[in-house]
Amino acid sequence: MKLFHGMGKGIRLTLSFDELKKQLIPVPSPDEQKVIVAYIESKCNKINSLIKDLETEIEYLKEYKQKLIADCVTGQINVQSEQ
């Protein structure tokens, strides 16, 4: 933001497209871009794997919940407190 602040003109310091298009944008070399892409892909693969593991766990817990409810309803598990 500070880079663009000094380029503005007028009361609102608006930045014109002509001023903006004069600016150089740093672009990594192709080799560095490949390294960045490989890093991002490895992190995305790890995240996707973790998401899949969590979805599997959630599905297991849903099935367990249904079985637990069914066992309670059919009387296979005593849920009354002993006093």
N, C-alpha and C. Protein backbone atom coordinates (compact mmCIF):
# COMPACT_ATOMS: atom_id res chain seq x y z
N MET A 1 0.83 -1.19 0.00
CA MET A 1 0.00 0.00 0.00
C MET A 1 0.87 1.26 0.00
N LYS A 2 1.99 1.24 0.73
CA LYS A 2 2.83 2.42 0.79
C LYS A 2 3.46 2.72 -0.57
N LEU A 3 3.69 1.67 -1.36
CA LEU A 3 4.24 1.86 -2.69
C LEU A 3 3.30 2.70 -3.54
N PHE A 4 2.00 2.44 -3.43
CA PHE A 4 1.01 3.13 -4.25
C PHE A 4 0.62 4.49 -3.68
N HIS A 5 0.84 4.69 -2.40
CA HIS A 5 0.37 5.92 -1.75
C HIS A 5 0.96 7.18 -2.40
N GLY A 6 2.23 7.16 -2.69
CA GLY A 6 2.87 8.34 -3.26
C GLY A 6 2.51 8.60 -4.71
N MET A 7 1.89 7.65 -5.38
CA MET A 7 1.55 7.81 -6.79
C MET A 7 0.21 8.49 -7.00
N GLY A 8 -0.60 8.52 -5.96
CA GLY A 8 -1.94 9.07 -6.09
C GLY A 8 -1.95 10.56 -6.28
N LYS A 9 -3.04 11.06 -6.83
CA LYS A 9 -3.18 12.49 -7.06
C LYS A 9 -4.56 12.94 -6.58
N GLY A 10 -4.66 14.19 -6.21
CA GLY A 10 -5.95 14.74 -5.81
C GLY A 10 -6.23 14.56 -4.33
N ILE A 11 -7.42 14.97 -3.93
CA ILE A 11 -7.81 14.91 -2.53
C ILE A 11 -7.89 13.47 -2.03
N ARG A 12 -8.44 12.57 -2.86
CA ARG A 12 -8.63 11.18 -2.45
C ARG A 12 -7.43 10.31 -2.79
N LEU A 13 -6.39 10.87 -3.36
CA LEU A 13 -5.19 10.14 -3.75
C LEU A 13 -5.53 8.93 -4.62
N THR A 14 -6.31 9.17 -5.65
CA THR A 14 -6.67 8.08 -6.54
C THR A 14 -5.48 7.71 -7.41
N LEU A 15 -5.35 6.45 -7.69
CA LEU A 15 -4.26 5.94 -8.49
C LEU A 15 -4.77 5.62 -9.89
N SER A 16 -4.17 6.23 -10.88
CA SER A 16 -4.62 6.01 -12.25
C SER A 16 -3.99 4.73 -12.80
N PHE A 17 -4.65 4.19 -13.80
CA PHE A 17 -4.13 2.99 -14.45
C PHE A 17 -2.80 3.27 -15.13
N ASP A 18 -2.65 4.47 -15.67
CA ASP A 18 -1.39 4.83 -16.34
C ASP A 18 -0.22 4.75 -15.35
N GLU A 19 -0.42 5.21 -14.14
CA GLU A 19 0.65 5.14 -13.13
C GLU A 19 0.89 3.69 -12.70
N LEU A 20 -0.18 2.94 -12.57
CA LEU A 20 -0.06 1.56 -12.12
C LEU A 20 0.65 0.70 -13.14
N LYS A 21 0.37 0.88 -14.41
CA LYS A 21 0.98 0.03 -15.45
C LYS A 21 2.46 0.32 -15.64
N LYS A 22 2.96 1.41 -15.08
CA LYS A 22 4.38 1.71 -15.16
C LYS A 22 5.20 0.91 -14.15
N GLN A 23 4.52 0.35 -13.17
CA GLN A 23 5.23 -0.36 -12.10
C GLN A 23 5.71 -1.73 -12.57
N LEU A 24 6.90 -2.08 -12.11
CA LEU A 24 7.46 -3.39 -12.41
C LEU A 24 6.96 -4.38 -11.36
N ILE A 25 6.61 -5.55 -11.83
CA ILE A 25 6.13 -6.59 -10.93
C ILE A 25 7.20 -7.67 -10.86
N PRO A 26 7.70 -7.97 -9.67
CA PRO A 26 8.73 -9.00 -9.56
C PRO A 26 8.14 -10.38 -9.85
N VAL A 27 8.78 -11.11 -10.74
CA VAL A 27 8.34 -12.46 -11.11
C VAL A 27 9.51 -13.40 -10.87
N PRO A 28 9.29 -14.47 -10.09
CA PRO A 28 10.38 -15.42 -9.86
C PRO A 28 10.81 -16.10 -11.16
N SER A 29 12.03 -16.57 -11.16
CA SER A 29 12.54 -17.29 -12.33
C SER A 29 11.73 -18.58 -12.53
N PRO A 30 11.73 -19.14 -13.74
CA PRO A 30 10.98 -20.38 -13.98
C PRO A 30 11.37 -21.51 -13.02
N ASP A 31 12.66 -21.63 -12.71
CA ASP A 31 13.09 -22.68 -11.76
C ASP A 31 12.49 -22.45 -10.38
N GLU A 32 12.51 -21.19 -9.95
CA GLU A 32 11.94 -20.87 -8.63
C GLU A 32 10.43 -21.06 -8.64
N GLN A 33 9.78 -20.75 -9.75
CA GLN A 33 8.34 -20.99 -9.86
C GLN A 33 8.02 -22.47 -9.72
N LYS A 34 8.86 -23.32 -10.33
CA LYS A 34 8.65 -24.77 -10.22
C LYS A 34 8.79 -25.24 -8.78
N VAL A 35 9.77 -24.69 -8.08
CA VAL A 35 9.96 -25.05 -6.67
C VAL A 35 8.75 -24.62 -5.84
N ILE A 36 8.25 -23.43 -6.11
CA ILE A 36 7.07 -22.92 -5.39
C ILE A 36 5.85 -23.80 -5.67
N VAL A 37 5.66 -24.15 -6.93
CA VAL A 37 4.52 -25.00 -7.31
C VAL A 37 4.64 -26.36 -6.65
N ALA A 38 5.83 -26.95 -6.66
CA ALA A 38 6.03 -28.26 -6.02
C ALA A 38 5.72 -28.20 -4.53
N TYR A 39 6.15 -27.13 -3.88
CA TYR A 39 5.88 -26.96 -2.45
C TYR A 39 4.38 -26.85 -2.19
N ILE A 40 3.71 -26.03 -2.97
CA ILE A 40 2.26 -25.84 -2.78
C ILE A 40 1.52 -27.14 -3.06
N GLU A 41 1.92 -27.87 -4.10
CA GLU A 41 1.26 -29.14 -4.40
C GLU A 41 1.47 -30.16 -3.29
N SER A 42 2.67 -30.21 -2.71
CA SER A 42 2.92 -31.16 -1.62
C SER A 42 2.07 -30.80 -0.40
N LYS A 43 1.95 -29.53 -0.11
CA LYS A 43 1.11 -29.10 1.02
C LYS A 43 -0.36 -29.40 0.75
N CYS A 44 -0.81 -29.16 -0.49
CA CYS A 44 -2.20 -29.45 -0.85
C CYS A 44 -2.49 -30.94 -0.75
N ASN A 45 -1.54 -31.77 -1.20
CA ASN A 45 -1.73 -33.22 -1.10
C ASN A 45 -1.83 -33.65 0.36
N LYS A 46 -1.01 -33.09 1.21
CA LYS A 46 -1.06 -33.40 2.65
C LYS A 46 -2.41 -32.99 3.23
N ILE A 47 -2.86 -31.80 2.89
CA ILE A 47 -4.15 -31.30 3.38
C ILE A 47 -5.29 -32.18 2.88
N ASN A 48 -5.25 -32.55 1.60
CA ASN A 48 -6.30 -33.41 1.04
C ASN A 48 -6.32 -34.77 1.72
N SER A 49 -5.14 -35.29 2.04
CA SER A 49 -5.05 -36.57 2.75
C SER A 49 -5.67 -36.46 4.14
N LEU A 50 -5.36 -35.37 4.83
CA LEU A 50 -5.93 -35.16 6.16
C LEU A 50 -7.44 -34.98 6.11
N ILE A 51 -7.92 -34.29 5.10
CA ILE A 51 -9.36 -34.10 4.93
C ILE A 51 -10.04 -35.45 4.71
N LYS A 52 -9.43 -36.29 3.88
CA LYS A 52 -9.99 -37.62 3.61
C LYS A 52 -10.04 -38.45 4.89
N ASP A 53 -8.95 -38.40 5.69
CA ASP A 53 -8.92 -39.12 6.96
C ASP A 53 -10.02 -38.63 7.90
N LEU A 54 -10.22 -37.33 7.96
CA LEU A 54 -11.26 -36.78 8.83
C LEU A 54 -12.66 -37.15 8.34
N GLU A 55 -12.86 -37.14 7.03
CA GLU A 55 -14.17 -37.54 6.49
C GLU A 55 -14.46 -39.00 6.81
N THR A 56 -13.43 -39.85 6.73
CA THR A 56 -13.59 -41.27 7.09
C THR A 56 -13.94 -41.40 8.58
N GLU A 57 -13.27 -40.65 9.41
CA GLU A 57 -13.54 -40.69 10.85
C GLU A 57 -14.95 -40.19 11.16
N ILE A 58 -15.38 -39.14 10.50
CA ILE A 58 -16.74 -38.62 10.69
C ILE A 58 -17.76 -39.66 10.29
N GLU A 59 -17.53 -40.34 9.18
CA GLU A 59 -18.46 -41.38 8.72
C GLU A 59 -18.52 -42.52 9.73
N TYR A 60 -17.36 -42.91 10.27
CA TYR A 60 -17.33 -43.96 11.29
C TYR A 60 -18.13 -43.53 12.53
N LEU A 61 -17.94 -42.28 12.96
CA LEU A 61 -18.66 -41.80 14.14
C LEU A 61 -20.17 -41.74 13.91
N LYS A 62 -20.60 -41.40 12.69
CA LYS A 62 -22.03 -41.40 12.38
C LYS A 62 -22.60 -42.81 12.48
N GLU A 63 -21.85 -43.78 11.93
CA GLU A 63 -22.30 -45.17 12.01
C GLU A 63 -22.34 -45.64 13.46
N TYR A 64 -21.32 -45.28 14.24
CA TYR A 64 -21.27 -45.66 15.65
C TYR A 64 -22.44 -45.05 16.42
N LYS A 65 -22.76 -43.82 16.12
CA LYS A 65 -23.89 -43.15 16.77
C LYS A 65 -25.19 -43.89 16.48
N GLN A 66 -25.40 -44.25 15.21
CA GLN A 66 -26.62 -44.97 14.84
C GLN A 66 -26.68 -46.33 15.54
N LYS A 67 -25.55 -47.04 15.62
CA LYS A 67 -25.53 -48.34 16.29
C LYS A 67 -25.80 -48.17 17.77
N LEU A 68 -25.22 -47.17 18.38
CA LEU A 68 -25.43 -46.91 19.81
C LEU A 68 -26.89 -46.60 20.10
N ILE A 69 -27.52 -45.78 19.27
CA ILE A 69 -28.94 -45.47 19.45
C ILE A 69 -29.77 -46.74 19.29
N ALA A 70 -29.47 -47.52 18.27
CA ALA A 70 -30.21 -48.76 18.05
C ALA A 70 -30.05 -49.72 19.22
N ASP A 71 -28.85 -49.85 19.75
CA ASP A 71 -28.61 -50.73 20.89
C ASP A 71 -29.36 -50.26 22.13
N CYS A 72 -29.44 -48.95 22.33
CA CYS A 72 -30.19 -48.41 23.47
C CYS A 72 -31.68 -48.67 23.31
N VAL A 73 -32.20 -48.46 22.11
CA VAL A 73 -33.64 -48.64 21.86
C VAL A 73 -34.04 -50.11 22.01
N THR A 74 -33.19 -51.01 21.56
CA THR A 74 -33.52 -52.44 21.64
C THR A 74 -33.20 -53.04 22.99
N GLY A 75 -32.63 -52.26 23.91
CA GLY A 75 -32.37 -52.75 25.25
C GLY A 75 -31.07 -53.51 25.40
N GLN A 76 -30.23 -53.51 24.41
CA GLN A 76 -28.95 -54.21 24.51
C GLN A 76 -27.97 -53.46 25.41
N ILE A 77 -28.21 -52.16 25.62
CA ILE A 77 -27.39 -51.35 26.53
C ILE A 77 -28.34 -50.74 27.55
N ASN A 78 -27.99 -50.87 28.84
CA ASN A 78 -28.81 -50.28 29.89
C ASN A 78 -28.36 -48.83 30.10
N VAL A 79 -29.26 -47.89 29.83
CA VAL A 79 -28.91 -46.48 29.94
C VAL A 79 -29.52 -45.83 31.18
N GLN A 80 -30.24 -46.62 31.98
CA GLN A 80 -30.83 -46.05 33.21
C GLN A 80 -29.76 -45.98 34.27
N SER A 81 -29.79 -44.88 35.03
CA SER A 81 -28.81 -44.73 36.10
C SER A 81 -29.19 -45.61 37.29
N GLU A 82 -28.19 -46.14 37.94
CA GLU A 82 -28.42 -47.01 39.10
C GLU A 82 -28.31 -46.18 40.36
N GLN A 83 -29.42 -46.09 41.15
CA GLN A 83 -29.40 -45.30 42.39
C GLN A 83 -29.92 -46.11 43.53
